Amino acid sequence: MHFAHKVPVTFTDSQGRIDFPFGRCRILVDQRQMQLLVEVGTEKQADQAETILQERMLRLASRDRLLVTWHRERRGQA
């Protein structure tokens, strides 16, 4: 896993977890897609997570037709 030399990482064939200083990223993989579920505490951390993860994914998948879509969900709000 790309981030393992910098932060704690665990993974199997179908899922993984990256523990960044700014939050946790769960990775779920199936035949069609890879889903990243990122838990952070602030908007600034969400921006940081999106930037870091998108840059790395695009760099690692430079030969593939990669589509990255972000959806933000705010928890604890009515």
N, C-alpha and C. Protein backbone atom coordinates (compact mmCIF):
# COMPACT_ATOMS: atom_id res chain seq x y z
N MET A 1 0.86 -1.19 0.00
CA MET A 1 0.00 0.00 0.00
C MET A 1 0.89 1.23 0.00
N HIS A 2 0.54 2.18 -0.81
CA HIS A 2 1.36 3.37 -1.07
C HIS A 2 1.70 4.17 0.20
N PHE A 3 0.77 4.35 1.11
CA PHE A 3 0.98 5.22 2.27
C PHE A 3 1.67 4.53 3.44
N ALA A 4 1.91 3.22 3.37
CA ALA A 4 2.39 2.45 4.51
C ALA A 4 3.75 2.91 5.03
N HIS A 5 4.55 3.56 4.23
CA HIS A 5 5.85 4.02 4.71
C HIS A 5 5.74 5.30 5.54
N LYS A 6 4.55 5.92 5.57
CA LYS A 6 4.37 7.16 6.32
C LYS A 6 3.37 7.07 7.47
N VAL A 7 2.31 6.27 7.30
CA VAL A 7 1.25 6.19 8.30
C VAL A 7 0.79 4.73 8.45
N PRO A 8 0.11 4.39 9.56
CA PRO A 8 -0.38 3.02 9.73
C PRO A 8 -1.42 2.64 8.65
N VAL A 9 -1.21 1.47 8.04
CA VAL A 9 -2.08 0.98 6.97
C VAL A 9 -2.35 -0.50 7.19
N THR A 10 -3.60 -0.92 7.02
CA THR A 10 -3.95 -2.34 7.00
C THR A 10 -4.81 -2.57 5.76
N PHE A 11 -4.69 -3.76 5.15
CA PHE A 11 -5.50 -4.03 3.97
C PHE A 11 -5.58 -5.52 3.68
N THR A 12 -6.67 -5.88 2.97
CA THR A 12 -6.89 -7.22 2.43
C THR A 12 -7.21 -7.03 0.95
N ASP A 13 -7.67 -8.08 0.28
CA ASP A 13 -8.03 -7.95 -1.13
C ASP A 13 -9.24 -7.05 -1.36
N SER A 14 -10.11 -6.92 -0.36
CA SER A 14 -11.36 -6.19 -0.59
C SER A 14 -11.55 -4.95 0.30
N GLN A 15 -10.66 -4.72 1.24
CA GLN A 15 -10.82 -3.55 2.09
C GLN A 15 -9.49 -3.13 2.71
N GLY A 16 -9.47 -1.89 3.20
CA GLY A 16 -8.26 -1.40 3.83
C GLY A 16 -8.57 -0.23 4.74
N ARG A 17 -7.53 0.21 5.43
CA ARG A 17 -7.68 1.34 6.34
C ARG A 17 -6.35 2.08 6.39
N ILE A 18 -6.44 3.41 6.28
CA ILE A 18 -5.27 4.27 6.40
C ILE A 18 -5.55 5.23 7.54
N ASP A 19 -4.65 5.31 8.51
CA ASP A 19 -4.80 6.22 9.65
C ASP A 19 -3.88 7.42 9.45
N PHE A 20 -4.44 8.49 8.86
CA PHE A 20 -3.70 9.73 8.65
C PHE A 20 -3.71 10.55 9.93
N PRO A 21 -2.78 11.50 10.09
CA PRO A 21 -2.83 12.38 11.25
C PRO A 21 -4.12 13.20 11.32
N PHE A 22 -4.74 13.49 10.19
CA PHE A 22 -5.94 14.32 10.14
C PHE A 22 -7.23 13.51 10.14
N GLY A 23 -7.17 12.19 10.06
CA GLY A 23 -8.38 11.37 10.08
C GLY A 23 -8.14 9.98 9.52
N ARG A 24 -9.19 9.20 9.48
CA ARG A 24 -9.13 7.80 9.04
C ARG A 24 -9.77 7.65 7.68
N CYS A 25 -9.20 6.78 6.86
CA CYS A 25 -9.75 6.47 5.55
C CYS A 25 -9.98 4.97 5.45
N ARG A 26 -11.25 4.58 5.26
CA ARG A 26 -11.60 3.17 5.00
C ARG A 26 -11.72 3.00 3.51
N ILE A 27 -11.20 1.89 2.99
CA ILE A 27 -11.22 1.61 1.57
C ILE A 27 -12.02 0.33 1.35
N LEU A 28 -13.00 0.40 0.46
CA LEU A 28 -13.81 -0.76 0.10
C LEU A 28 -13.67 -0.97 -1.40
N VAL A 29 -13.35 -2.20 -1.81
CA VAL A 29 -13.09 -2.49 -3.21
C VAL A 29 -13.97 -3.65 -3.66
N ASP A 30 -14.55 -3.50 -4.86
CA ASP A 30 -15.26 -4.62 -5.48
C ASP A 30 -14.85 -4.68 -6.96
N GLN A 31 -15.55 -5.45 -7.74
CA GLN A 31 -15.21 -5.65 -9.15
C GLN A 31 -15.26 -4.37 -9.97
N ARG A 32 -16.10 -3.41 -9.58
CA ARG A 32 -16.33 -2.20 -10.37
C ARG A 32 -15.68 -0.94 -9.84
N GLN A 33 -15.50 -0.88 -8.53
CA GLN A 33 -15.08 0.41 -7.97
C GLN A 33 -14.29 0.27 -6.68
N MET A 34 -13.63 1.36 -6.34
CA MET A 34 -12.96 1.49 -5.05
C MET A 34 -13.62 2.69 -4.36
N GLN A 35 -14.11 2.46 -3.16
CA GLN A 35 -14.79 3.51 -2.41
C GLN A 35 -13.93 3.88 -1.21
N LEU A 36 -13.68 5.18 -1.05
CA LEU A 36 -12.92 5.69 0.09
C LEU A 36 -13.89 6.41 1.02
N LEU A 37 -13.92 5.99 2.27
CA LEU A 37 -14.76 6.63 3.29
C LEU A 37 -13.82 7.31 4.27
N VAL A 38 -13.80 8.63 4.25
CA VAL A 38 -12.85 9.39 5.05
C VAL A 38 -13.58 10.06 6.20
N GLU A 39 -13.07 9.88 7.41
CA GLU A 39 -13.64 10.51 8.60
C GLU A 39 -12.65 11.53 9.13
N VAL A 40 -13.08 12.80 9.14
CA VAL A 40 -12.26 13.90 9.63
C VAL A 40 -13.10 14.78 10.54
N GLY A 41 -12.46 15.73 11.20
CA GLY A 41 -13.18 16.57 12.15
C GLY A 41 -13.55 17.95 11.64
N THR A 42 -12.86 18.44 10.60
CA THR A 42 -13.10 19.81 10.14
C THR A 42 -13.15 19.87 8.61
N GLU A 43 -13.67 20.97 8.10
CA GLU A 43 -13.70 21.20 6.65
C GLU A 43 -12.28 21.27 6.09
N LYS A 44 -11.38 21.90 6.83
CA LYS A 44 -9.98 22.00 6.39
C LYS A 44 -9.37 20.61 6.25
N GLN A 45 -9.65 19.72 7.19
CA GLN A 45 -9.15 18.35 7.11
C GLN A 45 -9.79 17.60 5.94
N ALA A 46 -11.06 17.86 5.66
CA ALA A 46 -11.73 17.24 4.51
C ALA A 46 -11.06 17.70 3.22
N ASP A 47 -10.76 18.99 3.11
CA ASP A 47 -10.05 19.50 1.93
C ASP A 47 -8.69 18.84 1.78
N GLN A 48 -7.98 18.72 2.90
CA GLN A 48 -6.65 18.10 2.90
C GLN A 48 -6.74 16.64 2.46
N ALA A 49 -7.71 15.90 2.98
CA ALA A 49 -7.88 14.50 2.62
C ALA A 49 -8.18 14.35 1.13
N GLU A 50 -9.10 15.16 0.62
CA GLU A 50 -9.43 15.09 -0.80
C GLU A 50 -8.22 15.36 -1.67
N THR A 51 -7.46 16.39 -1.34
CA THR A 51 -6.29 16.74 -2.13
C THR A 51 -5.26 15.62 -2.13
N ILE A 52 -4.90 15.13 -0.96
CA ILE A 52 -3.87 14.09 -0.85
C ILE A 52 -4.31 12.81 -1.55
N LEU A 53 -5.52 12.36 -1.27
CA LEU A 53 -5.99 11.09 -1.84
C LEU A 53 -6.18 11.18 -3.35
N GLN A 54 -6.75 12.28 -3.84
CA GLN A 54 -6.97 12.41 -5.27
C GLN A 54 -5.64 12.49 -6.02
N GLU A 55 -4.69 13.27 -5.52
CA GLU A 55 -3.38 13.36 -6.19
C GLU A 55 -2.72 12.00 -6.29
N ARG A 56 -2.74 11.22 -5.20
CA ARG A 56 -2.10 9.91 -5.20
C ARG A 56 -2.81 8.94 -6.13
N MET A 57 -4.15 8.93 -6.09
CA MET A 57 -4.90 8.01 -6.94
C MET A 57 -4.66 8.31 -8.42
N LEU A 58 -4.69 9.58 -8.79
CA LEU A 58 -4.48 9.94 -10.19
C LEU A 58 -3.06 9.60 -10.63
N ARG A 59 -2.10 9.79 -9.77
CA ARG A 59 -0.72 9.46 -10.10
C ARG A 59 -0.54 7.94 -10.26
N LEU A 60 -1.09 7.17 -9.35
CA LEU A 60 -0.94 5.71 -9.39
C LEU A 60 -1.73 5.07 -10.53
N ALA A 61 -2.81 5.71 -10.94
CA ALA A 61 -3.66 5.13 -11.98
C ALA A 61 -3.53 5.93 -13.29
N SER A 62 -2.36 6.42 -13.57
CA SER A 62 -2.17 7.30 -14.73
C SER A 62 -2.52 6.64 -16.06
N ARG A 63 -2.45 5.32 -16.14
CA ARG A 63 -2.78 4.62 -17.38
C ARG A 63 -4.25 4.23 -17.48
N ASP A 64 -4.95 4.30 -16.37
CA ASP A 64 -6.36 3.92 -16.33
C ASP A 64 -7.24 5.15 -16.54
N ARG A 65 -8.46 4.92 -16.95
CA ARG A 65 -9.44 6.00 -17.05
C ARG A 65 -10.11 6.12 -15.68
N LEU A 66 -9.55 6.92 -14.83
CA LEU A 66 -10.00 7.05 -13.46
C LEU A 66 -10.96 8.23 -13.32
N LEU A 67 -12.09 7.97 -12.70
CA LEU A 67 -13.05 9.02 -12.38
C LEU A 67 -13.12 9.13 -10.86
N VAL A 68 -12.84 10.31 -10.34
CA VAL A 68 -12.89 10.55 -8.90
C VAL A 68 -14.04 11.48 -8.61
N THR A 69 -14.95 11.05 -7.74
CA THR A 69 -16.11 11.85 -7.34
C THR A 69 -16.14 11.89 -5.82
N TRP A 70 -16.25 13.09 -5.26
CA TRP A 70 -16.31 13.25 -3.81
C TRP A 70 -17.72 13.63 -3.39
N HIS A 71 -18.20 13.03 -2.31
CA HIS A 71 -19.48 13.38 -1.69
C HIS A 71 -19.20 13.62 -0.22
N ARG A 72 -19.56 14.77 0.27
CA ARG A 72 -19.36 15.08 1.69
C ARG A 72 -20.66 14.90 2.45
N GLU A 73 -20.55 14.24 3.59
CA GLU A 73 -21.68 14.04 4.48
C GLU A 73 -21.31 14.63 5.83
N ARG A 74 -22.13 15.48 6.32
CA ARG A 74 -21.88 16.09 7.63
C ARG A 74 -22.69 15.32 8.67
N ARG A 75 -22.02 14.79 9.63
CA ARG A 75 -22.69 14.01 10.69
C ARG A 75 -23.02 14.91 11.87
N GLY A 76 -24.06 14.54 12.56
CA GLY A 76 -24.43 15.25 13.76
C GLY A 76 -25.23 16.53 13.54
N GLN A 77 -25.62 16.78 12.29
CA GLN A 77 -26.43 17.96 12.02
C GLN A 77 -27.86 17.54 11.72
N ALA A 78 -28.82 18.30 12.17
CA ALA A 78 -30.23 17.99 11.94
C ALA A 78 -30.73 18.60 10.67
